[in-house]
PDB file of N, CA and C in Angstrom:
ATOM      1  N   MET A   1     -21.818 -42.080  10.119  1.00  0.00           N
ATOM      2  CA  MET A   1     -22.061 -40.833  10.589  1.00  0.00           C
ATOM      3  C   MET A   1     -23.696 -40.588  10.632  1.00  0.00           C
ATOM      4  N   GLY A   2     -24.358 -40.944   9.522  1.00  0.00           N
ATOM      5  CA  GLY A   2     -25.814 -40.828   9.605  1.00  0.00           C
ATOM      6  C   GLY A   2     -26.433 -41.574  10.711  1.00  0.00           C
ATOM      7  N   ARG A   3     -25.947 -42.773  11.068  1.00  0.00           N
ATOM      8  CA  ARG A   3     -26.412 -43.644  12.202  1.00  0.00           C
ATOM      9  C   ARG A   3     -26.324 -42.882  13.437  1.00  0.00           C
ATOM     10  N   LEU A   4     -25.111 -42.056  13.661  1.00  0.00           N
ATOM     11  CA  LEU A   4     -24.795 -41.532  14.838  1.00  0.00           C
ATOM     12  C   LEU A   4     -25.816 -40.389  15.093  1.00  0.00           C
ATOM     13  N   ILE A   5     -26.110 -39.672  14.029  1.00  0.00           N
ATOM     14  CA  ILE A   5     -27.098 -38.476  14.108  1.00  0.00           C
ATOM     15  C   ILE A   5     -28.437 -39.084  14.326  1.00  0.00           C
ATOM     16  N   GLY A   6     -28.675 -40.187  13.730  1.00  0.00           N
ATOM     17  CA  GLY A   6     -30.132 -40.794  13.975  1.00  0.00           C
ATOM     18  C   GLY A   6     -30.357 -41.296  15.316  1.00  0.00           C
ATOM     19  N   GLN A   7     -29.397 -41.477  16.059  1.00  0.00           N
ATOM     20  CA  GLN A   7     -29.543 -41.913  17.458  1.00  0.00           C
ATOM     21  C   GLN A   7     -29.577 -40.792  18.386  1.00  0.00           C
ATOM     22  N   LEU A   8     -29.230 -39.589  17.971  1.00  0.00           N
ATOM     23  CA  LEU A   8     -29.489 -38.444  18.904  1.00  0.00           C
ATOM     24  C   LEU A   8     -30.859 -38.023  19.096  1.00  0.00           C
ATOM     25  N   ARG A   9     -31.102 -37.463  20.227  1.00  0.00           N
ATOM     26  CA  ARG A   9     -32.507 -36.895  20.404  1.00  0.00           C
ATOM     27  C   ARG A   9     -32.533 -35.569  19.761  1.00  0.00           C
ATOM     28  N   LEU A  10     -33.767 -35.162  19.500  1.00  0.00           N
ATOM     29  CA  LEU A  10     -34.103 -33.864  18.727  1.00  0.00           C
ATOM     30  C   LEU A  10     -33.185 -32.691  19.239  1.00  0.00           C
ATOM     31  N   ALA A  11     -33.285 -32.609  20.625  1.00  0.00           N
ATOM     32  CA  ALA A  11     -32.615 -31.500  21.355  1.00  0.00           C
ATOM     33  C   ALA A  11     -31.042 -31.475  21.012  1.00  0.00           C
ATOM     34  N   HIS A  12     -30.563 -32.672  21.146  1.00  0.00           N
ATOM     35  CA  HIS A  12     -29.064 -32.773  20.799  1.00  0.00           C
ATOM     36  C   HIS A  12     -28.767 -32.547  19.296  1.00  0.00           C
ATOM     37  N   LYS A  13     -29.683 -32.857  18.416  1.00  0.00           N
ATOM     38  CA  LYS A  13     -29.506 -32.587  16.993  1.00  0.00           C
ATOM     39  C   LYS A  13     -29.455 -31.071  16.831  1.00  0.00           C
ATOM     40  N   PHE A  14     -30.402 -30.427  17.451  1.00  0.00           N
ATOM     41  CA  PHE A  14     -30.523 -28.996  17.366  1.00  0.00           C
ATOM     42  C   PHE A  14     -29.322 -28.315  17.863  1.00  0.00           C
ATOM     43  N   LEU A  15     -28.793 -28.685  19.115  1.00  0.00           N
ATOM     44  CA  LEU A  15     -27.645 -28.201  19.706  1.00  0.00           C
ATOM     45  C   LEU A  15     -26.445 -28.335  18.739  1.00  0.00           C
ATOM     46  N   ALA A  16     -26.249 -29.492  18.067  1.00  0.00           N
ATOM     47  CA  ALA A  16     -25.308 -29.797  17.347  1.00  0.00           C
ATOM     48  C   ALA A  16     -25.300 -28.920  16.086  1.00  0.00           C
ATOM     49  N   LEU A  17     -26.438 -28.680  15.479  1.00  0.00           N
ATOM     50  CA  LEU A  17     -26.601 -27.725  14.347  1.00  0.00           C
ATOM     51  C   LEU A  17     -26.165 -26.376  14.833  1.00  0.00           C
ATOM     52  N   LEU A  18     -26.676 -25.960  15.927  1.00  0.00           N
ATOM     53  CA  LEU A  18     -26.239 -24.588  16.405  1.00  0.00           C
ATOM     54  C   LEU A  18     -24.770 -24.561  16.599  1.00  0.00           C
ATOM     55  N   GLY A  19     -24.138 -25.591  17.044  1.00  0.00           N
ATOM     56  CA  GLY A  19     -22.551 -25.610  17.330  1.00  0.00           C
ATOM     57  C   GLY A  19     -21.909 -25.388  15.872  1.00  0.00           C
ATOM     58  N   VAL A  20     -22.435 -26.246  14.961  1.00  0.00           N
ATOM     59  CA  VAL A  20     -21.761 -26.043  13.545  1.00  0.00           C
ATOM     60  C   VAL A  20     -21.978 -24.753  12.980  1.00  0.00           C
ATOM     61  N   ILE A  21     -23.094 -24.080  13.102  1.00  0.00           N
ATOM     62  CA  ILE A  21     -23.316 -22.830  12.590  1.00  0.00           C
ATOM     63  C   ILE A  21     -22.465 -21.752  13.340  1.00  0.00           C
ATOM     64  N   ALA A  22     -22.316 -21.824  14.655  1.00  0.00           N
ATOM     65  CA  ALA A  22     -21.351 -20.908  15.441  1.00  0.00           C
ATOM     66  C   ALA A  22     -20.025 -21.277  14.999  1.00  0.00           C
ATOM     67  N   LEU A  23     -19.507 -22.363  14.867  1.00  0.00           N
ATOM     68  CA  LEU A  23     -18.181 -22.621  14.309  1.00  0.00           C
ATOM     69  C   LEU A  23     -17.872 -21.903  12.993  1.00  0.00           C
ATOM     70  N   VAL A  24     -18.824 -22.110  12.097  1.00  0.00           N
ATOM     71  CA  VAL A  24     -18.704 -21.419  10.860  1.00  0.00           C
ATOM     72  C   VAL A  24     -18.512 -19.991  10.961  1.00  0.00           C
ATOM     73  N   LEU A  25     -19.554 -19.339  11.751  1.00  0.00           N
ATOM     74  CA  LEU A  25     -19.685 -17.803  11.897  1.00  0.00           C
ATOM     75  C   LEU A  25     -18.530 -17.307  12.648  1.00  0.00           C
ATOM     76  N   ALA A  26     -17.881 -18.037  13.508  1.00  0.00           N
ATOM     77  CA  ALA A  26     -16.596 -17.586  14.199  1.00  0.00           C
ATOM     78  C   ALA A  26     -15.451 -17.846  13.406  1.00  0.00           C
ATOM     79  N   GLY A  27     -15.407 -19.068  12.557  1.00  0.00           N
ATOM     80  CA  GLY A  27     -14.278 -19.379  11.871  1.00  0.00           C
ATOM     81  C   GLY A  27     -13.842 -18.517  10.641  1.00  0.00           C
ATOM     82  N   ILE A  28     -14.940 -18.172   9.812  1.00  0.00           N
ATOM     83  CA  ILE A  28     -14.606 -17.231   8.775  1.00  0.00           C
ATOM     84  C   ILE A  28     -13.888 -15.988   9.210  1.00  0.00           C
ATOM     85  N   PRO A  29     -14.369 -15.162  10.225  1.00  0.00           N
ATOM     86  CA  PRO A  29     -13.699 -13.999  10.394  1.00  0.00           C
ATOM     87  C   PRO A  29     -12.339 -14.218  11.037  1.00  0.00           C
ATOM     88  N   ALA A  30     -12.253 -15.363  11.879  1.00  0.00           N
ATOM     89  CA  ALA A  30     -10.891 -15.581  12.293  1.00  0.00           C
ATOM     90  C   ALA A  30      -9.837 -15.999  11.273  1.00  0.00           C
ATOM     91  N   TYR A  31     -10.371 -16.718  10.300  1.00  0.00           N
ATOM     92  CA  TYR A  31      -9.462 -17.059   9.133  1.00  0.00           C
ATOM     93  C   TYR A  31      -9.167 -15.725   8.456  1.00  0.00           C
ATOM     94  N   LEU A  32      -9.987 -14.909   8.159  1.00  0.00           N
ATOM     95  CA  LEU A  32      -9.709 -13.597   7.378  1.00  0.00           C
ATOM     96  C   LEU A  32      -8.794 -12.749   8.213  1.00  0.00           C
ATOM     97  N   ALA A  33      -8.898 -12.734   9.495  1.00  0.00           N
ATOM     98  CA  ALA A  33      -7.886 -11.806  10.433  1.00  0.00           C
ATOM     99  C   ALA A  33      -6.540 -12.474  10.357  1.00  0.00           C
ATOM    100  N   VAL A  34      -6.480 -13.823  10.592  1.00  0.00           N
ATOM    101  CA  VAL A  34      -5.100 -14.465  10.410  1.00  0.00           C
ATOM    102  C   VAL A  34      -4.485 -14.080   9.060  1.00  0.00           C
ATOM    103  N   GLN A  35      -5.307 -14.362   8.028  1.00  0.00           N
ATOM    104  CA  GLN A  35      -4.683 -13.934   6.627  1.00  0.00           C
ATOM    105  C   GLN A  35      -4.274 -12.556   6.598  1.00  0.00           C
ATOM    106  N   ALA A  36      -5.019 -11.581   7.074  1.00  0.00           N
ATOM    107  CA  ALA A  36      -4.587 -10.227   6.998  1.00  0.00           C
ATOM    108  C   ALA A  36      -3.342 -10.017   7.683  1.00  0.00           C
ATOM    109  N   GLU A  37      -3.163 -10.627   8.885  1.00  0.00           N
ATOM    110  CA  GLU A  37      -1.917 -10.493   9.723  1.00  0.00           C
ATOM    111  C   GLU A  37      -0.698 -11.183   8.908  1.00  0.00           C
ATOM    112  N   LEU A  38      -0.957 -12.335   8.357  1.00  0.00           N
ATOM    113  CA  LEU A  38       0.011 -12.964   7.607  1.00  0.00           C
ATOM    114  C   LEU A  38       0.553 -12.061   6.407  1.00  0.00           C
ATOM    115  N   ASP A  39      -0.432 -11.331   5.810  1.00  0.00           N
ATOM    116  CA  ASP A  39      -0.157 -10.565   4.535  1.00  0.00           C
ATOM    117  C   ASP A  39       0.757  -9.396   5.080  1.00  0.00           C
ATOM    118  N   ALA A  40       0.351  -8.713   6.207  1.00  0.00           N
ATOM    119  CA  ALA A  40       1.156  -7.693   6.807  1.00  0.00           C
ATOM    120  C   ALA A  40       2.514  -8.209   7.198  1.00  0.00           C
ATOM    121  N   TRP A  41       2.586  -9.414   7.761  1.00  0.00           N
ATOM    122  CA  TRP A  41       3.976  -9.824   8.186  1.00  0.00           C
ATOM    123  C   TRP A  41       4.798 -10.144   6.940  1.00  0.00           C
ATOM    124  N   ARG A  42       4.361 -10.509   5.805  1.00  0.00           N
ATOM    125  CA  ARG A  42       5.007 -10.872   4.556  1.00  0.00           C
ATOM    126  C   ARG A  42       5.403  -9.565   4.015  1.00  0.00           C
ATOM    127  N   ALA A  43       4.663  -8.543   4.033  1.00  0.00           N
ATOM    128  CA  ALA A  43       4.988  -7.216   3.447  1.00  0.00           C
ATOM    129  C   ALA A  43       6.168  -6.599   4.359  1.00  0.00           C
ATOM    130  N   ALA A  44       6.146  -6.812   5.619  1.00  0.00           N
ATOM    131  CA  ALA A  44       7.162  -6.300   6.514  1.00  0.00           C
ATOM    132  C   ALA A  44       8.408  -6.978   6.154  1.00  0.00           C
ATOM    133  N   GLN A  45       8.450  -8.260   5.857  1.00  0.00           N
ATOM    134  CA  GLN A  45       9.628  -9.248   5.483  1.00  0.00           C
ATOM    135  C   GLN A  45      10.142  -8.582   4.291  1.00  0.00           C
ATOM    136  N   ARG A  46       9.343  -8.311   3.206  1.00  0.00           N
ATOM    137  CA  ARG A  46       9.835  -7.780   1.951  1.00  0.00           C
ATOM    138  C   ARG A  46      10.399  -6.334   2.026  1.00  0.00           C
ATOM    139  N   GLU A  47       9.972  -5.634   3.017  1.00  0.00           N
ATOM    140  CA  GLU A  47      10.462  -4.275   3.223  1.00  0.00           C
ATOM    141  C   GLU A  47      11.963  -4.430   3.848  1.00  0.00           C
ATOM    142  N   VAL A  48      11.901  -5.301   4.814  1.00  0.00           N
ATOM    143  CA  VAL A  48      13.306  -5.490   5.382  1.00  0.00           C
ATOM    144  C   VAL A  48      14.386  -6.087   4.453  1.00  0.00           C
ATOM    145  N   LEU A  49      13.921  -6.878   3.623  1.00  0.00           N
ATOM    146  CA  LEU A  49      14.729  -7.384   2.553  1.00  0.00           C
ATOM    147  C   LEU A  49      15.178  -6.376   1.452  1.00  0.00           C
ATOM    148  N   GLY A  50      14.532  -5.210   1.472  1.00  0.00           N
ATOM    149  CA  GLY A  50      14.706  -4.218   0.573  1.00  0.00           C
ATOM    150  C   GLY A  50      15.589  -3.215   1.178  1.00  0.00           C
ATOM    151  N   VAL A  51      15.757  -3.082   2.355  1.00  0.00           N
ATOM    152  CA  VAL A  51      16.434  -2.042   2.998  1.00  0.00           C
ATOM    153  C   VAL A  51      17.905  -2.014   2.576  1.00  0.00           C
ATOM    154  N   ASP A  52      18.575  -2.898   2.585  1.00  0.00           N
ATOM    155  CA  ASP A  52      20.065  -3.022   2.231  1.00  0.00           C
ATOM    156  C   ASP A  52      20.194  -2.448   0.824  1.00  0.00           C
ATOM    157  N   PRO A  53      19.670  -3.048  -0.146  1.00  0.00           N
ATOM    158  CA  PRO A  53      19.802  -2.658  -1.594  1.00  0.00           C
ATOM    159  C   PRO A  53      19.391  -1.145  -1.803  1.00  0.00           C
ATOM    160  N   ALA A  54      18.471  -0.638  -1.005  1.00  0.00           N
ATOM    161  CA  ALA A  54      17.980   0.748  -1.251  1.00  0.00           C
ATOM    162  C   ALA A  54      19.019   1.536  -0.501  1.00  0.00           C
ATOM    163  N   GLY A  55      19.683   1.095   0.599  1.00  0.00           N
ATOM    164  CA  GLY A  55      20.764   1.803   1.145  1.00  0.00           C
ATOM    165  C   GLY A  55      21.958   2.040   0.314  1.00  0.00           C
ATOM    166  N   TRP A  56      22.281   0.924  -0.533  1.00  0.00           N
ATOM    167  CA  TRP A  56      23.395   0.974  -1.429  1.00  0.00           C
ATOM    168  C   TRP A  56      23.035   1.931  -2.480  1.00  0.00           C
ATOM    169  N   VAL A  57      21.793   1.902  -3.052  1.00  0.00           N
ATOM    170  CA  VAL A  57      21.393   2.807  -4.074  1.00  0.00           C
ATOM    171  C   VAL A  57      21.465   4.428  -3.582  1.00  0.00           C
ATOM    172  N   LEU A  58      21.025   4.678  -2.374  1.00  0.00           N
ATOM    173  CA  LEU A  58      21.076   5.974  -1.761  1.00  0.00           C
ATOM    174  C   LEU A  58      22.601   6.348  -1.534  1.00  0.00           C
ATOM    175  N   ARG A  59      23.333   5.583  -1.129  1.00  0.00           N
ATOM    176  CA  ARG A  59      24.801   5.985  -1.047  1.00  0.00           C
ATOM    177  C   ARG A  59      25.374   6.236  -2.265  1.00  0.00           C
ATOM    178  N   LEU A  60      25.064   5.447  -3.444  1.00  0.00           N
ATOM    179  CA  LEU A  60      25.512   5.594  -4.821  1.00  0.00           C
ATOM    180  C   LEU A  60      25.035   7.186  -5.298  1.00  0.00           C
ATOM    181  N   VAL A  61      23.666   7.421  -5.083  1.00  0.00           N
ATOM    182  CA  VAL A  61      23.355   8.741  -5.365  1.00  0.00           C
ATOM    183  C   VAL A  61      23.963   9.774  -4.696  1.00  0.00           C
ATOM    184  N   GLN A  62      24.271   9.588  -3.383  1.00  0.00           N
ATOM    185  CA  GLN A  62      24.960  10.473  -2.603  1.00  0.00           C
ATOM    186  C   GLN A  62      26.281  10.809  -3.044  1.00  0.00           C
ATOM    187  N   LYS A  63      27.024   9.772  -3.285  1.00  0.00           N
ATOM    188  CA  LYS A  63      28.414   9.928  -3.919  1.00  0.00           C
ATOM    189  C   LYS A  63      28.493  10.524  -5.264  1.00  0.00           C
ATOM    190  N   SER A  64      27.472  10.327  -5.986  1.00  0.00           N
ATOM    191  CA  SER A  64      27.387  10.734  -7.439  1.00  0.00           C
ATOM    192  C   SER A  64      27.176  12.214  -7.364  1.00  0.00           C
ATOM    193  N   GLN A  65      26.412  12.797  -6.265  1.00  0.00           N
ATOM    194  CA  GLN A  65      26.193  14.159  -6.170  1.00  0.00           C
ATOM    195  C   GLN A  65      27.087  15.068  -5.557  1.00  0.00           C
ATOM    196  N   GLN A  66      27.945  14.343  -4.833  1.00  0.00           N
ATOM    197  CA  GLN A  66      29.166  15.088  -4.131  1.00  0.00           C
ATOM    198  C   GLN A  66      30.239  15.472  -5.137  1.00  0.00           C
ATOM    199  N   HIS A  67      30.700  16.667  -5.042  1.00  0.00           N
ATOM    200  CA  HIS A  67      31.697  17.127  -5.977  1.00  0.00           C
ATOM    201  C   HIS A  67      33.134  16.584  -5.408  1.00  0.00           C
ATOM    202  N   PRO A  68      33.755  15.835  -6.295  1.00  0.00           N
ATOM    203  CA  PRO A  68      34.990  15.118  -5.755  1.00  0.00           C
ATOM    204  C   PRO A  68      36.227  16.144  -5.497  1.00  0.00           C
ATOM    205  N   GLY A  69      36.143  17.336  -5.899  1.00  0.00           N
ATOM    206  CA  GLY A  69      37.203  18.167  -5.679  1.00  0.00           C
ATOM    207  C   GLY A  69      37.577  19.025  -6.919  1.00  0.00           C
ATOM    208  N   GLY A  70      38.883  19.016  -7.232  1.00  0.00           N
ATOM    209  CA  GLY A  70      39.327  19.687  -8.547  1.00  0.00           C
ATOM    210  C   GLY A  70      39.587  21.058  -8.096  1.00  0.00           C
ATOM    211  N   CYS A  71      38.608  21.746  -7.804  1.00  0.00           N
ATOM    212  CA  CYS A  71      38.744  23.333  -7.255  1.00  0.00           C
ATOM    213  C   CYS A  71      38.569  23.436  -5.948  1.00  0.00           C
ATOM    214  N   ARG A  72      39.576  23.258  -5.184  1.00  0.00           N
ATOM    215  CA  ARG A  72      39.502  23.226  -3.789  1.00  0.00           C
ATOM    216  C   ARG A  72      39.318  24.565  -2.969  1.00  0.00           C
ATOM    217  N   PRO A  73      38.601  24.767  -2.057  1.00  0.00           N
ATOM    218  CA  PRO A  73      38.326  26.111  -1.458  1.00  0.00           C
ATOM    219  C   PRO A  73      39.645  26.698  -0.940  1.00  0.00           C
ATOM    220  N   THR A  74      40.637  25.843  -0.566  1.00  0.00           N
ATOM    221  CA  THR A  74      41.861  26.296  -0.034  1.00  0.00           C
ATOM    222  C   THR A  74      42.689  27.006  -0.995  1.00  0.00           C
ATOM    223  N   SER A  75      42.556  26.508  -2.320  1.00  0.00           N
ATOM    224  CA  SER A  75      43.307  27.090  -3.348  1.00  0.00           C
ATOM    225  C   SER A  75      42.795  28.574  -3.599  1.00  0.00           C
ATOM    226  N   GLN A  76      41.687  28.825  -3.265  1.00  0.00           N
ATOM    227  CA  GLN A  76      41.142  30.162  -3.613  1.00  0.00           C
ATOM    228  C   GLN A  76      40.985  30.995  -2.300  1.00  0.00           C
ATOM    229  N   GLY A  77      41.666  30.536  -1.347  1.00  0.00           N
ATOM    230  CA  GLY A  77      41.674  31.345  -0.103  1.00  0.00           C
ATOM    231  C   GLY A  77      40.424  31.009   0.766  1.00  0.00           C
ATOM    232  N   GLY A  78      39.795  29.824   0.618  1.00  0.00           N
ATOM    233  CA  GLY A  78      38.718  29.462   1.339  1.00  0.00           C
ATOM    234  C   GLY A  78      39.037  28.871   2.912  1.00  0.00           C
ATOM    235  N   ASN A  79      38.092  28.169   3.447  1.00  0.00           N
ATOM    236  CA  ASN A  79      38.130  27.704   4.777  1.00  0.00           C
ATOM    237  C   ASN A  79      38.851  26.235   4.653  1.00  0.00           C
ATOM    238  N   VAL A  80      40.082  26.267   5.442  1.00  0.00           N
ATOM    239  CA  VAL A  80      40.776  25.022   5.399  1.00  0.00           C
ATOM    240  C   VAL A  80      40.080  23.824   6.128  1.00  0.00           C
ATOM    241  N   ASP A  81      39.420  24.100   7.279  1.00  0.00           N
ATOM    242  CA  ASP A  81      38.705  23.193   8.090  1.00  0.00           C
ATOM    243  C   ASP A  81      37.610  22.647   7.189  1.00  0.00           C
ATOM    244  N   LEU A  82      36.904  23.504   6.517  1.00  0.00           N
ATOM    245  CA  LEU A  82      35.860  22.879   5.600  1.00  0.00           C
ATOM    246  C   LEU A  82      36.378  22.095   4.626  1.00  0.00           C
ATOM    247  N   ASP A  83      37.467  22.408   4.097  1.00  0.00           N
ATOM    248  CA  ASP A  83      38.036  21.599   3.125  1.00  0.00           C
ATOM    249  C   ASP A  83      38.347  20.102   3.619  1.00  0.00           C
ATOM    250  N   GLY A  84      38.973  19.924   4.764  1.00  0.00           N
ATOM    251  CA  GLY A  84      39.226  18.772   5.411  1.00  0.00           C
ATOM    252  C   GLY A  84      37.976  17.972   5.666  1.00  0.00           C
ATOM    253  N   GLN A  85      36.983  18.618   6.089  1.00  0.00           N
ATOM    254  CA  GLN A  85      35.682  17.807   6.280  1.00  0.00           C
ATOM    255  C   GLN A  85      35.022  17.375   5.016  1.00  0.00           C
ATOM    256  N   ARG A  86      35.234  18.209   4.085  1.00  0.00           N
ATOM    257  CA  ARG A  86      34.808  17.640   2.689  1.00  0.00           C
ATOM    258  C   ARG A  86      35.438  16.436   2.330  1.00  0.00           C
ATOM    259  N   ARG A  87      36.864  16.434   2.418  1.00  0.00           N
ATOM    260  CA  ARG A  87      37.741  15.352   1.981  1.00  0.00           C
ATOM    261  C   ARG A  87      37.357  14.000   2.798  1.00  0.00           C
ATOM    262  N   ARG A  88      37.128  14.224   4.100  1.00  0.00           N
ATOM    263  CA  ARG A  88      36.854  13.109   4.881  1.00  0.00           C
ATOM    264  C   ARG A  88      35.431  12.448   4.469  1.00  0.00           C
ATOM    265  N   ARG A  89      34.466  13.477   4.200  1.00  0.00           N
ATOM    266  CA  ARG A  89      33.188  13.000   3.745  1.00  0.00           C
ATOM    267  C   ARG A  89      33.176  12.270   2.349  1.00  0.00           C
ATOM    268  N   TRP A  90      34.107  12.697   1.472  1.00  0.00           N
ATOM    269  CA  TRP A  90      34.251  12.065   0.414  1.00  0.00           C
ATOM    270  C   TRP A  90      34.899  10.771   0.363  1.00  0.00           C
ATOM    271  N   ASP A  91      35.848  10.574   1.225  1.00  0.00           N
ATOM    272  CA  ASP A  91      36.582   9.328   1.414  1.00  0.00           C
ATOM    273  C   ASP A  91      35.773   8.286   2.221  1.00  0.00           C
ATOM    274  N   GLY A  92      34.595   8.666   2.794  1.00  0.00           N
ATOM    275  CA  GLY A  92      33.775   7.833   3.455  1.00  0.00           C
ATOM    276  C   GLY A  92      34.189   7.599   4.948  1.00  0.00           C
ATOM    277  N   GLU A  93      34.776   8.585   5.542  1.00  0.00           N
ATOM    278  CA  GLU A  93      35.036   8.346   6.925  1.00  0.00           C
ATOM    279  C   GLU A  93      34.083   8.821   7.859  1.00  0.00           C
TER     280      GLU A  93
END
């Protein structure tokens, strides 16, 4: 390698040095930009993987907060249609 550089003229050595400097100056920001995009992609993948379990947890919370019945509105003269809607919602239809 040293022999090859030694055979170059001074102008070519200077241009080679400028080329190496330009490559380093362009390479570092490009590397950092690619790393940032990969990090964003990995974070998006982790979010996608967490959607299903989070949905299950939200459904569990929703089911636990709904009143299962016991005291139906129809037994106290309430709205029959509303009672049917509640039953369907509770049964998961």
